[in-house]
């Protein structure tokens, strides 16, 4: 496994549409492992292959809840319900924060690393992360669809209100002090 470089907004690479994965082989598995390593290093919750400069429909998500990483290959939203407007950030947008409206619930169809079709339902934060990362695969960045951008002070105050996000923020602050 290796940590890879993350492309930063507004790099043109991030606005390109990713292509479907057709080969479920060692090359894909190395990419998935490297994505997980990169995500862990940056203490993020999700990363898409395009953020590493690879135009393939591959996502790794880890909410750090003890369930392990979720690997999504060729994901698509097959059902969405409800509405939620939440604060978002992105590994490719350091220091940028904004409010984005997303579905409250989604059902995703995807392939696992071995090419087997899977389905997963998600609500709340996981639904946001699924939508955010699938947007990456379609060349959509959250600052381009946010209805309100906010400064870092506002973002920190807002994240302190959420237990899951508060846990992530504490780890990020501790890492920044090192």
N, C-alpha and C. Protein backbone atom coordinates (compact mmCIF):
# COMPACT_ATOMS: atom_id res chain seq x y z
N UNK A 1 0.84 -1.18 0.00
CA UNK A 1 0.00 0.00 0.00
C UNK A 1 0.88 1.24 0.00
N UNK A 2 0.36 2.26 -0.65
CA UNK A 2 1.10 3.52 -0.72
C UNK A 2 0.13 4.68 -0.64
N UNK A 3 0.60 5.72 -0.03
CA UNK A 3 -0.18 6.95 0.01
C UNK A 3 0.05 7.69 -1.30
N UNK A 4 -1.01 8.20 -1.89
CA UNK A 4 -0.91 8.93 -3.16
C UNK A 4 -1.22 10.40 -2.95
N UNK A 5 -0.81 11.21 -3.92
CA UNK A 5 -1.08 12.66 -3.88
C UNK A 5 -2.54 12.93 -4.23
N UNK A 6 -3.13 13.88 -3.54
CA UNK A 6 -4.52 14.28 -3.77
C UNK A 6 -4.52 15.56 -4.60
N UNK A 7 -5.27 15.56 -5.70
CA UNK A 7 -5.42 16.76 -6.53
C UNK A 7 -6.30 17.75 -5.78
N UNK A 8 -5.97 19.03 -5.89
CA UNK A 8 -6.73 20.07 -5.20
C UNK A 8 -7.53 20.94 -6.16
N UNK A 9 -8.71 21.31 -5.70
CA UNK A 9 -9.62 22.23 -6.39
C UNK A 9 -8.91 23.56 -6.58
N UNK A 10 -8.95 24.18 -7.72
CA UNK A 10 -9.81 23.94 -8.88
C UNK A 10 -9.11 23.19 -10.03
N UNK A 11 -8.20 22.26 -9.75
CA UNK A 11 -7.52 21.50 -10.80
C UNK A 11 -8.55 20.92 -11.78
N UNK A 12 -8.29 21.06 -13.06
CA UNK A 12 -9.22 20.59 -14.11
C UNK A 12 -9.49 19.09 -14.03
N UNK A 13 -8.53 18.32 -13.52
CA UNK A 13 -8.71 16.87 -13.40
C UNK A 13 -9.98 16.55 -12.63
N UNK A 14 -10.27 17.33 -11.62
CA UNK A 14 -11.40 17.06 -10.74
C UNK A 14 -12.76 17.27 -11.41
N UNK A 15 -12.77 17.92 -12.56
CA UNK A 15 -14.03 18.15 -13.28
C UNK A 15 -14.25 17.16 -14.41
N UNK A 16 -13.37 16.16 -14.50
CA UNK A 16 -13.53 15.14 -15.55
C UNK A 16 -14.40 14.00 -15.05
N UNK A 17 -15.13 13.43 -15.99
CA UNK A 17 -16.02 12.31 -15.67
C UNK A 17 -15.21 11.01 -15.70
N UNK A 18 -15.41 10.19 -14.68
CA UNK A 18 -14.69 8.93 -14.57
C UNK A 18 -15.35 7.84 -15.41
N UNK A 19 -14.51 6.89 -15.86
CA UNK A 19 -14.98 5.78 -16.69
C UNK A 19 -15.26 4.55 -15.83
N UNK A 20 -16.14 3.73 -16.33
CA UNK A 20 -16.53 2.50 -15.66
C UNK A 20 -15.33 1.55 -15.53
N UNK A 21 -15.28 0.83 -14.43
CA UNK A 21 -14.26 -0.21 -14.23
C UNK A 21 -14.76 -1.48 -14.89
N UNK A 22 -13.90 -2.11 -15.68
CA UNK A 22 -14.27 -3.37 -16.34
C UNK A 22 -13.37 -4.53 -15.92
N UNK A 23 -12.19 -4.22 -15.39
CA UNK A 23 -11.25 -5.27 -14.97
C UNK A 23 -11.15 -5.27 -13.44
N UNK A 24 -11.50 -6.39 -12.86
CA UNK A 24 -11.44 -6.55 -11.40
C UNK A 24 -10.23 -7.43 -11.11
N UNK A 25 -9.09 -6.77 -11.06
CA UNK A 25 -7.81 -7.49 -10.99
C UNK A 25 -6.86 -6.86 -9.98
N UNK A 26 -5.61 -7.33 -9.98
CA UNK A 26 -4.59 -6.84 -9.04
C UNK A 26 -4.41 -5.33 -9.12
N UNK A 27 -4.47 -4.78 -10.33
CA UNK A 27 -4.29 -3.33 -10.50
C UNK A 27 -5.39 -2.56 -9.75
N UNK A 28 -6.62 -3.03 -9.84
CA UNK A 28 -7.73 -2.41 -9.12
C UNK A 28 -7.53 -2.56 -7.61
N UNK A 29 -7.12 -3.73 -7.18
CA UNK A 29 -6.95 -3.98 -5.75
C UNK A 29 -5.86 -3.09 -5.16
N UNK A 30 -4.78 -2.87 -5.92
CA UNK A 30 -3.72 -1.97 -5.46
C UNK A 30 -4.28 -0.55 -5.33
N UNK A 31 -5.06 -0.12 -6.33
CA UNK A 31 -5.67 1.20 -6.28
C UNK A 31 -6.56 1.32 -5.04
N UNK A 32 -7.41 0.34 -4.79
CA UNK A 32 -8.29 0.38 -3.61
C UNK A 32 -7.48 0.47 -2.32
N UNK A 33 -6.44 -0.33 -2.21
CA UNK A 33 -5.59 -0.30 -1.01
C UNK A 33 -4.89 1.04 -0.85
N UNK A 34 -4.39 1.59 -1.96
CA UNK A 34 -3.74 2.90 -1.92
C UNK A 34 -4.73 4.00 -1.56
N UNK A 35 -5.96 3.90 -2.06
CA UNK A 35 -6.98 4.88 -1.73
C UNK A 35 -7.28 4.84 -0.23
N UNK A 36 -7.37 3.64 0.33
CA UNK A 36 -7.64 3.52 1.76
C UNK A 36 -6.48 4.11 2.56
N UNK A 37 -5.26 3.83 2.15
CA UNK A 37 -4.08 4.37 2.83
C UNK A 37 -4.09 5.91 2.78
N UNK A 38 -4.40 6.47 1.61
CA UNK A 38 -4.44 7.92 1.44
C UNK A 38 -5.55 8.54 2.28
N UNK A 39 -6.72 7.91 2.28
CA UNK A 39 -7.85 8.38 3.07
C UNK A 39 -7.51 8.38 4.56
N UNK A 40 -6.90 7.32 5.02
CA UNK A 40 -6.51 7.21 6.43
C UNK A 40 -5.49 8.28 6.80
N UNK A 41 -4.50 8.47 5.93
CA UNK A 41 -3.47 9.47 6.19
C UNK A 41 -4.07 10.87 6.34
N UNK A 42 -5.03 11.20 5.49
CA UNK A 42 -5.63 12.53 5.50
C UNK A 42 -6.81 12.64 6.47
N UNK A 43 -7.14 11.53 7.14
CA UNK A 43 -8.23 11.47 8.10
C UNK A 43 -9.55 11.96 7.51
N UNK A 44 -9.80 11.53 6.29
CA UNK A 44 -11.05 11.86 5.63
C UNK A 44 -12.09 10.77 5.83
N UNK A 45 -13.25 10.98 5.28
CA UNK A 45 -14.31 9.98 5.35
C UNK A 45 -14.57 9.32 4.00
N UNK A 46 -14.13 9.95 2.92
CA UNK A 46 -14.32 9.36 1.61
C UNK A 46 -13.35 9.92 0.60
N UNK A 47 -13.05 9.10 -0.41
CA UNK A 47 -12.16 9.54 -1.48
C UNK A 47 -12.55 8.82 -2.77
N UNK A 48 -12.51 9.54 -3.87
CA UNK A 48 -12.78 8.98 -5.19
C UNK A 48 -11.47 8.92 -5.97
N UNK A 49 -11.35 7.93 -6.85
CA UNK A 49 -10.12 7.73 -7.62
C UNK A 49 -9.73 8.99 -8.39
N UNK A 50 -10.70 9.75 -8.88
CA UNK A 50 -10.39 10.96 -9.65
C UNK A 50 -9.60 11.96 -8.80
N UNK A 51 -9.78 11.95 -7.49
CA UNK A 51 -9.03 12.86 -6.62
C UNK A 51 -7.55 12.51 -6.60
N UNK A 52 -7.22 11.30 -7.06
CA UNK A 52 -5.82 10.86 -7.15
C UNK A 52 -5.34 10.90 -8.60
N UNK A 53 -6.18 11.46 -9.48
CA UNK A 53 -5.80 11.58 -10.88
C UNK A 53 -6.10 10.35 -11.71
N UNK A 54 -6.96 9.47 -11.21
CA UNK A 54 -7.31 8.24 -11.91
C UNK A 54 -8.79 8.29 -12.27
N UNK A 55 -9.08 8.31 -13.56
CA UNK A 55 -10.46 8.47 -14.01
C UNK A 55 -11.19 7.13 -14.10
N UNK A 56 -11.37 6.52 -12.97
CA UNK A 56 -12.12 5.28 -12.85
C UNK A 56 -13.19 5.47 -11.78
N UNK A 57 -14.32 4.77 -11.93
CA UNK A 57 -15.45 4.91 -11.01
C UNK A 57 -15.22 4.05 -9.77
N UNK A 58 -14.33 4.55 -8.90
CA UNK A 58 -13.93 3.83 -7.69
C UNK A 58 -13.95 4.80 -6.51
N UNK A 59 -14.55 4.34 -5.40
CA UNK A 59 -14.67 5.14 -4.18
C UNK A 59 -14.30 4.27 -2.98
N UNK A 60 -13.66 4.89 -2.00
CA UNK A 60 -13.44 4.25 -0.70
C UNK A 60 -13.99 5.20 0.37
N UNK A 61 -14.79 4.64 1.27
CA UNK A 61 -15.41 5.41 2.35
C UNK A 61 -15.10 4.72 3.67
N UNK A 62 -14.76 5.51 4.67
CA UNK A 62 -14.54 4.96 6.01
C UNK A 62 -14.95 6.02 7.03
N UNK A 63 -16.10 5.79 7.66
CA UNK A 63 -16.60 6.73 8.67
C UNK A 63 -15.94 6.50 10.02
N UNK A 64 -15.01 5.56 10.09
CA UNK A 64 -14.26 5.30 11.32
C UNK A 64 -15.19 4.92 12.46
N UNK A 65 -16.16 4.07 12.16
CA UNK A 65 -17.10 3.61 13.18
C UNK A 65 -16.86 2.16 13.55
N UNK A 66 -15.72 1.62 13.15
CA UNK A 66 -15.38 0.25 13.46
C UNK A 66 -15.91 -0.77 12.47
N UNK A 67 -16.61 -0.30 11.44
CA UNK A 67 -17.17 -1.21 10.44
C UNK A 67 -16.19 -1.47 9.29
N UNK A 68 -15.07 -0.78 9.28
CA UNK A 68 -14.12 -0.91 8.18
C UNK A 68 -14.52 -0.05 7.00
N UNK A 69 -13.69 -0.10 5.99
CA UNK A 69 -13.90 0.71 4.79
C UNK A 69 -14.96 0.08 3.89
N UNK A 70 -15.65 0.95 3.17
CA UNK A 70 -16.62 0.53 2.15
C UNK A 70 -15.98 0.83 0.80
N UNK A 71 -15.87 -0.17 -0.03
CA UNK A 71 -15.31 0.01 -1.38
C UNK A 71 -16.44 -0.06 -2.39
N UNK A 72 -16.57 0.98 -3.19
CA UNK A 72 -17.65 1.06 -4.18
C UNK A 72 -17.04 1.17 -5.57
N UNK A 73 -17.34 0.23 -6.43
CA UNK A 73 -16.86 0.27 -7.80
C UNK A 73 -18.09 0.39 -8.71
N UNK A 74 -18.04 1.34 -9.62
CA UNK A 74 -19.15 1.66 -10.52
C UNK A 74 -20.45 1.92 -9.76
N UNK A 75 -20.40 2.74 -8.71
CA UNK A 75 -21.61 2.97 -7.92
C UNK A 75 -22.62 3.85 -8.64
N UNK A 76 -23.87 3.59 -8.34
CA UNK A 76 -24.95 4.46 -8.84
C UNK A 76 -26.06 4.49 -7.81
N UNK A 77 -26.69 5.63 -7.72
CA UNK A 77 -27.82 5.79 -6.81
C UNK A 77 -29.05 5.26 -7.53
N UNK A 78 -29.71 4.27 -6.91
CA UNK A 78 -30.90 3.70 -7.52
C UNK A 78 -32.19 4.17 -6.85
N UNK A 79 -32.04 4.76 -5.67
CA UNK A 79 -33.20 5.31 -4.97
C UNK A 79 -32.73 6.42 -4.05
N UNK A 80 -33.51 7.48 -3.96
CA UNK A 80 -33.19 8.60 -3.06
C UNK A 80 -34.50 9.15 -2.52
N UNK A 81 -34.47 9.51 -1.22
CA UNK A 81 -35.66 10.07 -0.56
C UNK A 81 -35.24 11.18 0.39
N UNK A 82 -36.15 12.07 0.61
CA UNK A 82 -35.96 13.10 1.62
C UNK A 82 -34.95 14.16 1.23
N UNK A 83 -34.68 15.03 2.17
CA UNK A 83 -33.78 16.16 1.97
C UNK A 83 -33.03 16.47 3.25
N UNK A 84 -31.77 16.80 3.11
CA UNK A 84 -31.00 17.31 4.23
C UNK A 84 -29.99 18.31 3.69
N UNK A 85 -29.80 19.36 4.44
CA UNK A 85 -28.84 20.40 4.05
C UNK A 85 -27.78 20.43 5.14
N UNK A 86 -26.56 20.02 4.77
CA UNK A 86 -25.49 19.90 5.76
C UNK A 86 -24.21 20.55 5.26
N UNK A 87 -23.34 20.80 6.20
CA UNK A 87 -22.03 21.37 5.92
C UNK A 87 -21.12 20.29 5.35
N UNK A 88 -20.40 20.62 4.27
CA UNK A 88 -19.47 19.67 3.66
C UNK A 88 -18.10 20.31 3.48
N UNK A 89 -17.11 19.45 3.53
CA UNK A 89 -15.74 19.79 3.19
C UNK A 89 -15.24 18.70 2.26
N UNK A 90 -13.96 18.76 1.89
CA UNK A 90 -13.45 17.78 0.93
C UNK A 90 -11.92 17.74 1.02
N UNK A 91 -11.36 16.54 0.88
CA UNK A 91 -9.90 16.40 0.88
C UNK A 91 -9.27 17.22 -0.24
N UNK A 92 -9.99 17.39 -1.35
CA UNK A 92 -9.47 18.15 -2.49
C UNK A 92 -9.73 19.65 -2.38
N UNK A 93 -10.39 20.07 -1.31
CA UNK A 93 -10.72 21.48 -1.11
C UNK A 93 -10.29 21.93 0.28
N UNK A 94 -8.99 21.87 0.59
CA UNK A 94 -8.58 22.24 1.95
C UNK A 94 -9.00 23.66 2.30
N UNK A 95 -9.61 23.80 3.47
CA UNK A 95 -10.01 25.12 3.95
C UNK A 95 -11.34 25.61 3.40
N UNK A 96 -11.96 24.88 2.50
CA UNK A 96 -13.26 25.29 1.94
C UNK A 96 -14.38 24.49 2.60
N UNK A 97 -15.46 25.16 2.95
CA UNK A 97 -16.62 24.54 3.57
C UNK A 97 -17.87 25.17 3.00
N UNK A 98 -18.91 24.34 2.83
CA UNK A 98 -20.15 24.88 2.31
C UNK A 98 -21.33 23.98 2.60
N UNK A 99 -22.51 24.58 2.54
CA UNK A 99 -23.76 23.84 2.76
C UNK A 99 -24.27 23.32 1.43
N UNK A 100 -24.57 22.01 1.42
CA UNK A 100 -25.08 21.35 0.22
C UNK A 100 -26.34 20.59 0.58
N UNK A 101 -27.31 20.64 -0.31
CA UNK A 101 -28.54 19.89 -0.10
C UNK A 101 -28.39 18.52 -0.77
N UNK A 102 -28.67 17.48 0.00
CA UNK A 102 -28.53 16.09 -0.46
C UNK A 102 -29.76 15.30 -0.01
N UNK A 103 -29.96 14.10 -0.59
CA UNK A 103 -31.04 13.24 -0.09
C UNK A 103 -30.73 12.77 1.33
N UNK A 104 -31.77 12.54 2.10
CA UNK A 104 -31.60 12.04 3.46
C UNK A 104 -31.34 10.52 3.47
N UNK A 105 -31.82 9.86 2.42
CA UNK A 105 -31.67 8.41 2.29
C UNK A 105 -31.32 8.09 0.85
N UNK A 106 -30.40 7.16 0.65
CA UNK A 106 -30.09 6.67 -0.69
C UNK A 106 -29.89 5.16 -0.65
N UNK A 107 -30.17 4.55 -1.77
CA UNK A 107 -29.84 3.14 -1.97
C UNK A 107 -28.87 3.11 -3.15
N UNK A 108 -27.75 2.42 -2.95
CA UNK A 108 -26.67 2.40 -3.94
C UNK A 108 -26.52 0.99 -4.50
N UNK A 109 -26.32 0.92 -5.81
CA UNK A 109 -25.92 -0.34 -6.46
C UNK A 109 -24.47 -0.16 -6.87
N UNK A 110 -23.65 -1.14 -6.59
CA UNK A 110 -22.23 -1.05 -6.92
C UNK A 110 -21.64 -2.45 -7.04
N UNK A 111 -20.38 -2.52 -7.42
CA UNK A 111 -19.64 -3.78 -7.48
C UNK A 111 -18.60 -3.76 -6.37
N UNK A 112 -18.32 -4.93 -5.79
CA UNK A 112 -17.24 -5.00 -4.83
C UNK A 112 -15.92 -5.24 -5.59
N UNK A 113 -14.83 -5.37 -4.87
CA UNK A 113 -13.51 -5.48 -5.52
C UNK A 113 -13.38 -6.73 -6.38
N UNK A 114 -14.28 -7.70 -6.22
CA UNK A 114 -14.23 -8.93 -7.00
C UNK A 114 -15.23 -8.93 -8.16
N UNK A 115 -15.95 -7.82 -8.34
CA UNK A 115 -16.89 -7.71 -9.45
C UNK A 115 -18.29 -8.20 -9.14
N UNK A 116 -18.58 -8.47 -7.88
CA UNK A 116 -19.91 -8.94 -7.49
C UNK A 116 -20.81 -7.75 -7.19
N UNK A 117 -22.02 -7.77 -7.78
CA UNK A 117 -22.98 -6.69 -7.55
C UNK A 117 -23.46 -6.69 -6.11
N UNK A 118 -23.54 -5.48 -5.53
CA UNK A 118 -23.96 -5.28 -4.15
C UNK A 118 -24.96 -4.12 -4.10
N UNK A 119 -25.70 -4.07 -3.02
CA UNK A 119 -26.59 -2.95 -2.74
C UNK A 119 -26.34 -2.51 -1.32
N UNK A 120 -26.45 -1.21 -1.08
CA UNK A 120 -26.33 -0.70 0.28
C UNK A 120 -27.25 0.49 0.44
N UNK A 121 -27.91 0.53 1.58
CA UNK A 121 -28.75 1.66 1.93
C UNK A 121 -27.98 2.54 2.89
N UNK A 122 -28.26 3.83 2.82
CA UNK A 122 -27.58 4.77 3.71
C UNK A 122 -28.51 5.93 4.02
N UNK A 123 -28.35 6.44 5.24
CA UNK A 123 -29.10 7.62 5.66
C UNK A 123 -28.14 8.58 6.34
N UNK A 124 -28.61 9.82 6.48
CA UNK A 124 -27.87 10.85 7.22
C UNK A 124 -26.46 11.05 6.67
N UNK A 125 -25.43 10.98 7.53
CA UNK A 125 -24.07 11.28 7.11
C UNK A 125 -23.58 10.35 6.01
N UNK A 126 -23.85 9.05 6.11
CA UNK A 126 -23.37 8.13 5.08
C UNK A 126 -24.03 8.43 3.74
N UNK A 127 -25.28 8.82 3.73
CA UNK A 127 -25.95 9.20 2.48
C UNK A 127 -25.26 10.41 1.87
N UNK A 128 -24.88 11.37 2.70
CA UNK A 128 -24.17 12.56 2.21
C UNK A 128 -22.84 12.16 1.58
N UNK A 129 -22.10 11.29 2.27
CA UNK A 129 -20.79 10.88 1.77
C UNK A 129 -20.94 10.11 0.46
N UNK A 130 -21.90 9.20 0.37
CA UNK A 130 -22.13 8.49 -0.90
C UNK A 130 -22.37 9.49 -2.03
N UNK A 131 -23.28 10.43 -1.80
CA UNK A 131 -23.62 11.41 -2.84
C UNK A 131 -22.42 12.29 -3.21
N UNK A 132 -21.70 12.75 -2.20
CA UNK A 132 -20.52 13.61 -2.41
C UNK A 132 -19.49 12.88 -3.28
N UNK A 133 -19.20 11.63 -2.94
CA UNK A 133 -18.17 10.88 -3.68
C UNK A 133 -18.65 10.50 -5.08
N UNK A 134 -19.91 10.16 -5.23
CA UNK A 134 -20.44 9.85 -6.57
C UNK A 134 -20.40 11.11 -7.43
N UNK A 135 -20.65 12.27 -6.83
CA UNK A 135 -20.50 13.53 -7.57
C UNK A 135 -19.08 13.66 -8.12
N UNK A 136 -18.08 13.31 -7.32
CA UNK A 136 -16.69 13.36 -7.80
C UNK A 136 -16.54 12.56 -9.09
N UNK A 137 -17.14 11.37 -9.13
CA UNK A 137 -17.02 10.51 -10.31
C UNK A 137 -17.64 11.14 -11.54
N UNK A 138 -18.56 12.06 -11.33
CA UNK A 138 -19.23 12.76 -12.42
C UNK A 138 -18.64 14.14 -12.68
N UNK A 139 -17.51 14.44 -12.05
CA UNK A 139 -16.82 15.71 -12.27
C UNK A 139 -17.45 16.89 -11.55
N UNK A 140 -18.23 16.62 -10.51
CA UNK A 140 -18.91 17.68 -9.76
C UNK A 140 -18.22 17.88 -8.42
N UNK A 141 -17.84 19.11 -8.15
CA UNK A 141 -17.20 19.46 -6.88
C UNK A 141 -18.21 20.18 -5.98
N UNK A 142 -18.14 19.93 -4.67
CA UNK A 142 -19.14 20.51 -3.77
C UNK A 142 -19.17 22.05 -3.80
N UNK A 143 -18.03 22.77 -3.96
CA UNK A 143 -18.15 24.24 -4.00
C UNK A 143 -19.00 24.74 -5.18
N UNK A 144 -19.08 23.92 -6.23
CA UNK A 144 -19.86 24.31 -7.40
C UNK A 144 -21.37 24.13 -7.20
N UNK A 145 -21.76 23.35 -6.20
CA UNK A 145 -23.19 23.13 -5.97
C UNK A 145 -23.64 23.59 -4.57
N UNK A 146 -22.72 24.09 -3.77
CA UNK A 146 -23.07 24.58 -2.43
C UNK A 146 -23.95 25.82 -2.56
N UNK A 147 -24.94 25.91 -1.69
CA UNK A 147 -25.79 27.11 -1.73
C UNK A 147 -25.25 28.21 -0.82
N UNK A 148 -24.25 27.85 0.02
CA UNK A 148 -23.63 28.84 0.90
C UNK A 148 -22.25 28.34 1.30
N UNK A 149 -21.23 29.13 1.07
CA UNK A 149 -19.88 28.81 1.53
C UNK A 149 -19.66 29.54 2.84
N UNK A 150 -18.91 28.90 3.77
CA UNK A 150 -18.66 29.49 5.08
C UNK A 150 -17.17 29.44 5.40
N UNK A 151 -16.76 30.25 6.37
CA UNK A 151 -15.34 30.25 6.75
C UNK A 151 -15.06 29.09 7.71
N UNK A 152 -13.76 28.85 7.93
CA UNK A 152 -13.34 27.72 8.74
C UNK A 152 -13.82 27.81 10.19
N UNK A 153 -13.89 29.02 10.73
CA UNK A 153 -14.37 29.21 12.11
C UNK A 153 -15.82 28.74 12.24
N UNK A 154 -16.64 29.12 11.28
CA UNK A 154 -18.05 28.69 11.27
C UNK A 154 -18.12 27.17 11.13
N UNK A 155 -17.31 26.60 10.25
CA UNK A 155 -17.32 25.16 10.01
C UNK A 155 -16.94 24.39 11.28
N UNK A 156 -15.90 24.84 11.97
CA UNK A 156 -15.48 24.18 13.22
C UNK A 156 -16.59 24.22 14.26
N UNK A 157 -17.23 25.37 14.42
CA UNK A 157 -18.32 25.52 15.39
C UNK A 157 -19.47 24.58 15.04
N UNK A 158 -19.78 24.47 13.77
CA UNK A 158 -20.87 23.61 13.32
C UNK A 158 -20.54 22.14 13.54
N UNK A 159 -19.31 21.75 13.27
CA UNK A 159 -18.92 20.35 13.44
C UNK A 159 -18.86 19.93 14.89
N UNK A 160 -18.61 20.86 15.77
CA UNK A 160 -18.60 20.55 17.20
C UNK A 160 -19.98 20.12 17.69
N UNK A 161 -21.02 20.48 16.95
CA UNK A 161 -22.40 20.12 17.33
C UNK A 161 -22.71 18.65 17.04
N UNK A 162 -22.00 18.03 16.11
CA UNK A 162 -22.28 16.66 15.70
C UNK A 162 -21.27 15.69 16.34
N UNK A 163 -21.73 14.67 17.07
CA UNK A 163 -20.80 13.73 17.72
C UNK A 163 -19.85 13.05 16.73
N UNK A 164 -20.37 12.57 15.58
CA UNK A 164 -19.51 11.89 14.61
C UNK A 164 -18.48 12.85 14.03
N UNK A 165 -18.91 14.04 13.69
CA UNK A 165 -18.00 15.02 13.12
C UNK A 165 -17.04 15.56 14.17
N UNK A 166 -17.52 15.66 15.41
CA UNK A 166 -16.68 16.15 16.50
C UNK A 166 -15.48 15.22 16.69
N UNK A 167 -15.70 13.91 16.61
CA UNK A 167 -14.64 12.92 16.73
C UNK A 167 -13.59 13.13 15.65
N UNK A 168 -14.03 13.34 14.42
CA UNK A 168 -13.10 13.60 13.30
C UNK A 168 -12.33 14.89 13.53
N UNK A 169 -13.02 15.94 13.98
CA UNK A 169 -12.37 17.24 14.19
C UNK A 169 -11.29 17.15 15.27
N UNK A 170 -11.57 16.42 16.35
CA UNK A 170 -10.56 16.29 17.41
C UNK A 170 -9.30 15.65 16.86
N UNK A 171 -9.47 14.58 16.04
CA UNK A 171 -8.30 13.92 15.47
C UNK A 171 -7.56 14.86 14.53
N UNK A 172 -8.29 15.62 13.73
CA UNK A 172 -7.65 16.56 12.80
C UNK A 172 -6.87 17.63 13.56
N UNK A 173 -7.47 18.20 14.62
CA UNK A 173 -6.79 19.23 15.40
C UNK A 173 -5.53 18.67 16.04
N UNK A 174 -5.62 17.45 16.58
CA UNK A 174 -4.47 16.83 17.21
C UNK A 174 -3.35 16.64 16.18
N UNK A 175 -3.72 16.20 14.99
CA UNK A 175 -2.73 15.99 13.93
C UNK A 175 -2.09 17.33 13.52
N UNK A 176 -2.89 18.39 13.47
CA UNK A 176 -2.38 19.71 13.06
C UNK A 176 -1.38 20.26 14.09
N UNK A 177 -1.54 19.87 15.36
CA UNK A 177 -0.63 20.35 16.41
C UNK A 177 0.73 19.68 16.34
N UNK A 178 0.78 18.47 15.74
CA UNK A 178 2.05 17.73 15.68
C UNK A 178 3.06 18.41 14.81
